[in-house]
C-alpha atoms as a PDB file:
ATOM      1  CA  MET A   1      -0.008   0.059   0.041  1.00  0.00           C
ATOM      2  CA  ARG A   2       1.020   3.549  -0.535  1.00  0.00           C
ATOM      3  CA  ALA A   3      -0.379   6.991   0.499  1.00  0.00           C
ATOM      4  CA  VAL A   4      -1.282   9.355  -2.263  1.00  0.00           C
ATOM      5  CA  TYR A   5      -2.193  12.705  -1.026  1.00  0.00           C
ATOM      6  CA  GLY A   6      -3.054  11.237   2.342  1.00  0.00           C
ATOM      7  CA  ILE A   7      -5.240   8.527   0.843  1.00  0.00           C
ATOM      8  CA  ILE A   8      -4.138   4.972   1.495  1.00  0.00           C
ATOM      9  CA  VAL A   9      -4.203   3.066  -1.859  1.00  0.00           C
ATOM     10  CA  PRO A  10      -3.290  -0.679  -2.143  1.00  0.00           C
ATOM     11  CA  ASP A  11      -0.616  -1.354  -4.784  1.00  0.00           C
ATOM     12  CA  ILE A  12      -3.012  -3.887  -6.402  1.00  0.00           C
ATOM     13  CA  MET A  13      -6.686  -3.421  -6.016  1.00  0.00           C
ATOM     14  CA  GLU A  14      -8.501  -6.764  -5.285  1.00  0.00           C
ATOM     15  CA  LYS A  15     -12.115  -7.157  -6.032  1.00  0.00           C
ATOM     16  CA  ASP A  16     -13.501  -6.272  -2.627  1.00  0.00           C
ATOM     17  CA  GLN A  17     -10.654  -4.158  -1.411  1.00  0.00           C
ATOM     18  CA  MET A  18     -11.279  -0.617  -0.226  1.00  0.00           C
ATOM     19  CA  PHE A  19      -9.094   2.322   0.332  1.00  0.00           C
ATOM     20  CA  SER A  20      -8.964   4.597   3.347  1.00  0.00           C
ATOM     21  CA  VAL A  21      -7.809   8.050   4.273  1.00  0.00           C
ATOM     22  CA  THR A  22      -5.176   8.964   6.709  1.00  0.00           C
ATOM     23  CA  SER A  23      -5.972  11.062   9.798  1.00  0.00           C
ATOM     24  CA  ASP A  24      -3.657  13.806   8.352  1.00  0.00           C
ATOM     25  CA  TRP A  25      -5.807  14.042   5.230  1.00  0.00           C
ATOM     26  CA  HIS A  26      -9.031  14.026   7.310  1.00  0.00           C
ATOM     27  CA  SER A  27      -7.667  16.833   9.483  1.00  0.00           C
ATOM     28  CA  SER A  28      -6.555  18.838   6.487  1.00  0.00           C
ATOM     29  CA  PHE A  29      -9.878  18.444   4.691  1.00  0.00           C
ATOM     30  CA  PRO A  30     -12.652  17.824   7.306  1.00  0.00           C
ATOM     31  CA  ASN A  31     -15.530  18.169   5.088  1.00  0.00           C
ATOM     32  CA  ALA A  32     -14.042  16.326   2.051  1.00  0.00           C
ATOM     33  CA  HIS A  33     -15.105  12.952   0.553  1.00  0.00           C
ATOM     34  CA  ALA A  34     -12.975  10.595  -1.455  1.00  0.00           C
ATOM     35  CA  GLY A  35     -13.833   7.851  -3.917  1.00  0.00           C
ATOM     36  CA  ILE A  36     -12.116   5.592  -6.514  1.00  0.00           C
ATOM     37  CA  LEU A  37     -13.290   4.054  -9.715  1.00  0.00           C
ATOM     38  CA  VAL A  38     -11.549   0.950 -10.924  1.00  0.00           C
ATOM     39  CA  MET A  39     -12.179  -0.261 -14.435  1.00  0.00           C
ATOM     40  CA  ARG A  40     -10.850  -3.180 -16.229  1.00  0.00           C
ATOM     41  CA  ASN A  41     -10.918  -4.098 -19.882  1.00  0.00           C
ATOM     42  CA  ALA A  42     -12.103  -0.685 -20.650  1.00  0.00           C
ATOM     43  CA  SER A  43     -11.585   0.665 -24.157  1.00  0.00           C
ATOM     44  CA  ASN A  44      -9.677   3.928 -24.355  1.00  0.00           C
ATOM     45  CA  PRO A  45      -9.053   4.772 -27.949  1.00  0.00           C
ATOM     46  CA  ALA A  46      -6.783   7.666 -28.957  1.00  0.00           C
ATOM     47  CA  HIS A  47      -9.628   9.245 -31.039  1.00  0.00           C
ATOM     48  CA  ASN A  48     -13.453   8.865 -30.732  1.00  0.00           C
ATOM     49  CA  ALA A  49     -15.477  10.829 -33.379  1.00  0.00           C
ATOM     50  CA  GLU A  50     -18.701  10.785 -31.213  1.00  0.00           C
ATOM     51  CA  LEU A  51     -16.756  12.220 -28.306  1.00  0.00           C
ATOM     52  CA  GLU A  52     -15.107  14.899 -30.276  1.00  0.00           C
ATOM     53  CA  LYS A  53     -18.566  15.876 -31.718  1.00  0.00           C
ATOM     54  CA  ARG A  54     -20.004  16.158 -28.325  1.00  0.00           C
ATOM     55  CA  LYS A  55     -17.107  18.189 -27.047  1.00  0.00           C
ATOM     56  CA  ALA A  56     -17.543  20.717 -29.838  1.00  0.00           C
ATOM     57  CA  GLU A  57     -21.308  20.863 -29.144  1.00  0.00           C
ATOM     58  CA  LEU A  58     -20.518  21.574 -25.341  1.00  0.00           C
ATOM     59  CA  GLU A  59     -17.861  24.017 -26.325  1.00  0.00           C
ATOM     60  CA  GLU A  60     -20.171  25.938 -28.599  1.00  0.00           C
ATOM     61  CA  SER A  61     -22.954  25.764 -25.893  1.00  0.00           C
ATOM     62  CA  LEU A  62     -20.714  27.261 -23.301  1.00  0.00           C
ATOM     63  CA  ARG A  63     -19.481  30.034 -25.701  1.00  0.00           C
ATOM     64  CA  VAL A  64     -23.126  31.062 -26.331  1.00  0.00           C
ATOM     65  CA  GLN A  65     -24.025  30.868 -22.633  1.00  0.00           C
ATOM     66  CA  PHE A  66     -21.088  32.871 -21.606  1.00  0.00           C
ATOM     67  CA  ALA A  67     -20.855  35.217 -24.583  1.00  0.00           C
ATOM     68  CA  GLY A  68     -19.077  38.486 -23.793  1.00  0.00           C
ATOM     69  CA  ARG A  69     -16.841  37.154 -20.978  1.00  0.00           C
ATOM     70  CA  ILE A  70     -13.179  37.743 -21.779  1.00  0.00           C
ATOM     71  CA  ALA A  71     -12.038  34.297 -20.909  1.00  0.00           C
ATOM     72  CA  LEU A  72     -14.225  32.646 -23.614  1.00  0.00           C
ATOM     73  CA  GLN A  73     -13.680  35.305 -26.262  1.00  0.00           C
ATOM     74  CA  SER A  74     -10.490  33.436 -27.573  1.00  0.00           C
ATOM     75  CA  ARG A  75     -10.655  30.029 -29.068  1.00  0.00           C
ATOM     76  CA  ALA A  76      -7.003  29.574 -27.927  1.00  0.00           C
ATOM     77  CA  ILE A  77      -8.370  28.956 -24.359  1.00  0.00           C
ATOM     78  CA  PRO A  78      -9.167  25.209 -24.305  1.00  0.00           C
ATOM     79  CA  PHE A  79     -11.935  23.610 -22.352  1.00  0.00           C
END
């Protein structure tokens, strides 16, 4: 096991194994919650056309919603 930012994480996650936070982490972040998602055999392609389409739609929606705000006036600012 190892501590990552005060969270105890097993080196190899077993099916029913949990992680826990240290008392230092809990003291530093008293109202925080932590979670973990473990996925196996998940596809993670370098490019996904549908994802790129949805990202473009979301970007355009945000630009319309927040039109006129300086941070969104430049397309150079990535989302």
